[in-house]
Protein backbone atom coordinates (compact mmCIF):
# COMPACT_ATOMS: atom_id res chain seq x y z
CA MET A 1 -26.15 30.35 7.74
CA SER A 2 -28.41 27.23 8.13
CA GLY A 3 -28.54 27.42 11.87
CA LEU A 4 -24.87 27.38 12.57
CA GLY A 5 -24.93 30.36 14.86
CA GLY A 6 -24.43 29.40 18.51
CA LEU A 7 -23.02 25.90 17.84
CA PRO A 8 -19.80 24.98 19.58
CA PHE A 9 -16.52 24.50 17.66
CA ARG A 10 -12.94 23.29 18.31
CA LYS A 11 -9.95 25.12 16.92
CA MET A 12 -7.17 22.56 16.15
CA ASN A 13 -4.08 22.39 13.89
CA GLY A 14 -1.73 19.92 12.39
CA LEU A 15 1.80 21.48 12.13
CA GLY A 16 0.10 24.95 11.99
CA ASN A 17 -2.32 23.97 9.31
CA ASP A 18 -5.33 25.13 11.25
CA PHE A 19 -9.06 24.19 11.38
CA VAL A 20 -12.34 25.15 12.83
CA ILE A 21 -14.04 21.85 13.55
CA ILE A 22 -17.82 21.84 14.00
CA ASP A 23 -19.53 18.58 15.12
CA LEU A 24 -22.99 18.39 13.29
CA ARG A 25 -23.90 14.85 14.24
CA ALA A 26 -26.54 16.05 16.72
CA HIS A 27 -27.74 18.82 14.52
CA LYS A 28 -28.73 17.01 11.27
CA SER A 29 -30.85 19.84 10.07
CA VAL A 30 -27.83 22.23 10.13
CA THR A 31 -25.52 22.39 7.06
CA MET A 32 -22.35 24.23 6.13
CA ASN A 33 -22.36 26.20 2.95
CA GLU A 34 -19.93 28.33 1.00
CA ASP A 35 -20.81 31.68 2.53
CA ALA A 36 -20.64 30.33 6.06
CA ALA A 37 -17.15 28.65 5.54
CA ILE A 38 -15.79 31.93 4.10
CA MET A 39 -17.07 33.90 7.05
CA ILE A 40 -15.75 31.50 9.69
CA ALA A 41 -12.41 31.16 7.98
CA ASP A 42 -11.84 34.94 7.72
CA ARG A 43 -8.90 35.70 10.04
CA LYS A 44 -10.09 39.38 10.56
CA LYS A 45 -13.81 39.11 10.86
CA GLY A 46 -14.38 35.43 11.60
CA ILE A 47 -12.62 32.92 13.70
CA GLY A 48 -9.75 32.34 11.24
CA CYS A 49 -8.46 29.02 9.77
CA ASP A 50 -7.18 27.40 6.58
CA GLN A 51 -10.24 25.00 6.37
CA VAL A 52 -13.51 24.67 8.12
CA ILE A 53 -14.14 21.05 9.02
CA THR A 54 -17.57 19.41 9.77
CA ILE A 55 -18.08 15.99 11.47
CA GLU A 56 -21.48 14.67 10.16
CA ASP A 57 -23.49 11.50 10.61
CA ARG A 58 -23.81 9.63 7.34
CA GLY A 59 -24.23 6.12 8.56
CA GLY A 60 -21.06 6.67 10.55
CA PRO A 61 -18.80 9.71 11.18
CA PHE A 62 -18.13 11.74 8.00
CA MET A 63 -15.61 14.57 7.67
CA GLY A 64 -16.55 17.47 5.36
CA ILE A 65 -13.84 19.86 4.27
CA TRP A 66 -14.28 23.57 3.23
CA ASN A 67 -11.44 25.84 2.17
CA ALA A 68 -11.07 29.36 3.27
CA ASP A 69 -12.37 30.48 -0.12
CA GLY A 70 -15.59 28.43 0.37
CA SER A 71 -14.76 25.66 -2.07
CA GLN A 72 -15.49 22.11 -0.81
CA VAL A 73 -12.59 19.57 -1.21
CA ASP A 74 -12.41 15.87 -0.77
CA ALA A 75 -9.26 15.33 1.25
CA CYS A 76 -7.06 16.96 4.00
CA GLY A 77 -4.53 14.89 5.79
CA ASN A 78 -3.83 17.20 8.58
CA ALA A 79 -7.51 17.62 9.26
CA ALA A 80 -7.91 13.81 9.17
CA ARG A 81 -5.50 13.43 12.04
CA CYS A 82 -7.40 16.10 14.10
CA VAL A 83 -10.81 14.50 13.49
CA GLY A 84 -9.42 11.05 14.15
CA TRP A 85 -8.00 12.24 17.44
CA LEU A 86 -11.32 13.75 18.53
CA LEU A 87 -13.25 10.64 17.62
CA MET A 88 -10.74 8.36 19.47
CA GLU A 89 -10.75 10.51 22.48
CA GLU A 90 -14.56 10.60 22.49
CA ALA A 91 -14.86 6.89 22.34
CA GLY A 92 -11.77 5.91 24.45
CA LEU A 93 -10.28 4.00 21.51
CA SER A 94 -6.75 3.72 20.00
CA ASN A 95 -8.07 3.33 16.44
CA THR A 96 -11.14 4.21 14.50
CA GLN A 97 -12.24 5.09 10.88
CA PHE A 98 -14.51 7.65 9.23
CA LEU A 99 -15.80 8.65 5.82
CA THR A 100 -14.78 11.45 3.45
CA ASN A 101 -15.82 12.29 -0.06
CA SER A 102 -12.59 10.64 -1.22
CA ASN A 103 -12.43 7.36 0.63
CA PRO A 104 -12.80 5.87 4.20
CA LEU A 105 -9.78 6.71 6.47
CA LYS A 106 -8.46 4.58 9.13
CA VAL A 107 -6.66 6.37 12.02
CA THR A 108 -4.52 5.11 14.84
CA LYS A 109 -2.94 6.68 17.92
CA VAL A 110 0.77 6.28 17.80
CA GLY A 111 1.74 8.44 20.81
CA ASP A 112 0.73 11.36 22.92
CA ASN A 113 -1.26 13.70 20.45
CA ARG A 114 0.29 11.83 17.55
CA VAL A 115 -1.85 10.00 15.01
CA SER A 116 -1.31 7.81 11.91
CA VAL A 117 -3.64 7.82 8.99
CA ASP A 118 -3.96 5.34 6.22
CA MET A 119 -4.55 7.67 3.28
CA GLY A 120 -5.20 4.83 0.85
CA GLU A 121 -3.66 4.38 -2.65
CA PRO A 122 -2.39 7.24 -4.66
CA LYS A 123 -3.99 7.90 -8.06
CA LEU A 124 -1.32 8.14 -10.76
CA ARG A 125 -3.09 7.95 -14.17
CA TRP A 126 -3.80 11.14 -15.99
CA LYS A 127 -7.59 10.72 -15.98
CA GLN A 128 -7.51 9.93 -12.20
CA ILE A 129 -5.65 13.09 -11.20
CA PRO A 130 -7.34 14.47 -13.35
CA LEU A 131 -5.40 16.09 -16.23
CA ALA A 132 -7.11 17.82 -19.10
CA GLU A 133 -4.87 16.15 -21.66
CA GLN A 134 -3.51 12.65 -22.00
CA MET A 135 -0.08 12.16 -20.47
CA ASP A 136 1.00 8.58 -20.08
CA ASP A 137 3.96 9.34 -17.67
CA THR A 138 2.65 11.57 -14.75
CA ARG A 139 6.14 11.57 -13.20
CA PHE A 140 6.88 14.47 -15.63
CA ILE A 141 4.01 16.55 -16.93
CA ASP A 142 4.11 19.32 -19.48
CA VAL A 143 3.97 22.41 -17.21
CA LYS A 144 6.59 25.21 -17.68
CA LEU A 145 7.09 28.50 -15.91
CA GLY A 146 9.19 31.31 -17.42
CA PRO A 147 10.45 31.84 -20.89
CA ILE A 148 9.60 29.00 -23.36
CA ASP A 149 13.31 28.42 -24.33
CA ASN A 150 14.59 28.79 -20.75
CA PRO A 151 11.92 27.90 -18.26
CA VAL A 152 12.58 28.57 -14.54
CA LEU A 153 10.41 25.59 -13.51
CA TRP A 154 9.39 22.63 -15.57
CA GLY A 155 8.45 18.96 -15.62
CA PRO A 156 6.61 18.50 -12.34
CA SER A 157 5.03 15.36 -11.16
CA ALA A 158 1.32 14.95 -10.69
CA VAL A 159 -0.32 12.79 -8.03
CA ASN A 160 -3.84 12.54 -6.67
CA MET A 161 -4.07 11.81 -2.94
CA GLY A 162 -7.86 12.59 -2.69
CA ASN A 163 -7.07 15.98 -4.36
CA PRO A 164 -4.74 16.82 -7.32
CA HIS A 165 -1.14 17.65 -6.57
CA CYS A 166 1.54 19.26 -8.77
CA ILE A 167 5.06 18.80 -7.30
CA PHE A 168 8.15 20.63 -8.66
CA PHE A 169 11.56 19.16 -7.59
CA VAL A 170 14.12 21.91 -7.14
CA ASP A 171 17.53 22.47 -5.64
CA ASP A 172 16.43 25.44 -3.48
CA ILE A 173 12.86 25.82 -2.52
CA ASP A 174 13.46 29.39 -1.15
CA ALA A 175 14.73 30.53 -4.56
CA HIS A 176 11.24 30.52 -6.09
CA ALA A 177 8.33 32.78 -5.35
CA LEU A 178 5.63 30.24 -4.53
CA ASP A 179 3.24 32.98 -3.67
CA ARG A 180 3.50 34.38 -7.11
CA PHE A 181 3.33 31.18 -9.31
CA GLY A 182 1.34 29.07 -6.91
CA PRO A 183 -2.06 30.53 -7.97
CA MET A 184 -0.96 30.44 -11.75
CA VAL A 185 -0.30 26.67 -11.48
CA GLU A 186 -3.34 26.05 -9.34
CA ASN A 187 -5.48 27.40 -11.98
CA HIS A 188 -3.43 26.04 -15.04
CA PRO A 189 -5.74 24.70 -17.90
CA LEU A 190 -4.11 21.29 -17.44
CA PHE A 191 -5.92 20.95 -14.10
CA PRO A 192 -9.74 21.01 -14.53
CA GLU A 193 -10.20 20.64 -10.76
CA ARG A 194 -7.37 23.00 -9.88
CA ALA A 195 -4.27 21.69 -7.98
CA ASN A 196 -2.29 22.05 -4.81
CA VAL A 197 1.22 23.20 -5.92
CA SER A 198 4.46 22.13 -4.13
CA LEU A 199 8.17 22.92 -4.18
CA ALA A 200 10.15 19.86 -3.05
CA HIS A 201 13.94 19.60 -2.27
CA VAL A 202 15.20 15.97 -1.69
CA SER A 203 18.17 16.27 0.57
CA SER A 204 18.62 12.45 1.03
CA ARG A 205 16.70 9.27 0.28
CA TYR A 206 14.95 9.65 3.68
CA HIS A 207 14.33 13.46 3.78
CA ILE A 208 12.22 15.94 1.72
CA ARG A 209 11.81 19.63 2.35
CA LEU A 210 8.49 20.88 1.09
CA ARG A 211 6.52 24.14 0.72
CA VAL A 212 2.90 24.15 -0.37
CA TRP A 213 0.40 26.37 -2.09
CA GLU A 214 -2.89 24.87 -1.20
CA ARG A 215 -5.75 25.40 -3.63
CA GLY A 216 -8.46 27.58 -2.05
CA ALA A 217 -6.26 28.51 1.00
CA GLY A 218 -2.90 29.80 -0.37
CA ILE A 219 0.50 29.06 1.27
CA THR A 220 0.05 26.83 4.32
CA LYS A 221 2.38 25.83 7.01
CA ALA A 222 1.72 22.20 6.35
CA CYS A 223 -0.43 20.00 4.00
CA GLY A 224 -0.72 16.27 4.78
CA THR A 225 -1.89 15.21 1.33
CA ALA A 226 0.94 17.25 -0.26
CA ALA A 227 3.51 15.45 1.96
CA CYS A 228 1.97 12.13 0.81
CA ALA A 229 2.08 13.19 -2.81
CA ALA A 230 5.60 14.42 -2.62
CA LEU A 231 6.87 11.11 -1.14
CA VAL A 232 5.06 9.13 -3.88
CA ALA A 233 6.35 11.34 -6.61
CA ALA A 234 9.97 11.41 -5.24
CA HIS A 235 9.95 7.50 -5.05
CA ARG A 236 8.50 7.16 -8.57
CA ARG A 237 11.42 9.43 -9.82
CA ARG A 238 13.79 7.27 -7.75
CA LEU A 239 14.94 10.10 -5.62
CA THR A 240 13.81 8.46 -2.30
CA GLY A 241 12.84 5.21 -0.92
CA ARG A 242 9.23 4.29 0.14
CA LYS A 243 9.65 5.92 3.55
CA ALA A 244 10.82 9.36 4.28
CA THR A 245 10.45 12.31 6.67
CA VAL A 246 8.85 15.30 4.94
CA GLU A 247 9.71 18.68 6.60
CA LEU A 248 7.14 21.44 6.07
CA ASP A 249 7.23 25.08 7.27
CA GLY A 250 5.19 23.84 10.34
CA GLY A 251 7.14 20.77 11.16
CA GLU A 252 7.66 17.15 10.13
CA LEU A 253 5.52 14.31 9.00
CA GLY A 254 6.49 10.71 8.60
CA ILE A 255 5.33 9.26 5.28
CA GLU A 256 5.43 5.68 4.13
CA TRP A 257 4.23 4.34 0.75
CA ARG A 258 3.64 0.68 1.73
CA GLU A 259 4.67 -1.91 -0.86
CA GLU A 260 2.41 -4.66 0.31
CA ASP A 261 -0.85 -2.87 -0.32
CA ASN A 262 0.28 0.37 -2.08
CA HIS A 263 -1.30 2.49 0.70
CA VAL A 264 0.24 5.67 1.86
CA ILE A 265 0.56 6.02 5.68
CA MET A 266 0.96 9.46 7.30
CA ASN A 267 1.78 10.03 10.85
CA GLY A 268 2.17 13.44 12.71
CA PRO A 269 1.08 15.53 15.68
CA VAL A 270 -2.22 17.21 16.46
CA THR A 271 -2.68 20.40 18.58
CA HIS A 272 -5.95 21.39 20.30
CA GLU A 273 -5.84 25.19 20.51
CA PHE A 274 -9.21 26.21 22.06
CA ASP A 275 -13.00 25.76 22.11
CA GLY A 276 -15.56 28.30 21.39
CA THR A 277 -19.11 29.03 20.03
CA LEU A 278 -20.00 30.30 16.65
CA PRO A 279 -21.29 33.80 16.94
CA ASP A 280 -24.82 34.59 15.64
CA ASN A 281 -23.51 37.48 13.55
CA LEU A 282 -20.91 35.67 11.47
């Protein structure tokens, strides 16, 4: 496991989306890998989490993200709040920034255990998401579920917030079996890098109810990048304004797609669950 055994970790969550966070800045010869991430994330044999997060030194703090299935991804909004909170607590600061594979993230304390993250600009062109086929209007993409002549779900939006998202807008998010069709859409041929899959219900111009199937993790209580993608998609379809509360199974996030710089700002709580040491026999 590349020397991970015996290292300290912190267990944290953002709205129930939980993480094992391992600080490797003082252990530069130690690396995370697919097998180690799977073992750590296992809820029966390991510690248990949706994602394993590393904090590394790459000319500044860097956040690495490993899904429960061992796949490495580029963005995780809820983890960004947790890592930002740890770095700000460590340095006694009210704001900081760190690197990811996607883009640098700026974070700010906005209250007790509450953090705001500048998630950057959404990517909306078909090649940026990416899609396997050219689609000039990614507000409505050609994905259908059910009979061809009478699909149950169709015409979702696609947005990249550091990772690809597919958002279906529906009248009732509980009327559809996300656990059944989520993995189908995640692995749809249209998404060469797979996709996070969401069901969104817009109850007003200021409120979105959201459930998320996260690629590599399954149904999660919350997904920060999915909340950002849902707000962007809803505004592009003229269903909401540029600012709304996004309600997930684990709680609420405040999302704003700023007009002045096109950046998406997410704010929400962080929870520190416990600290521990990685066992040698993971």
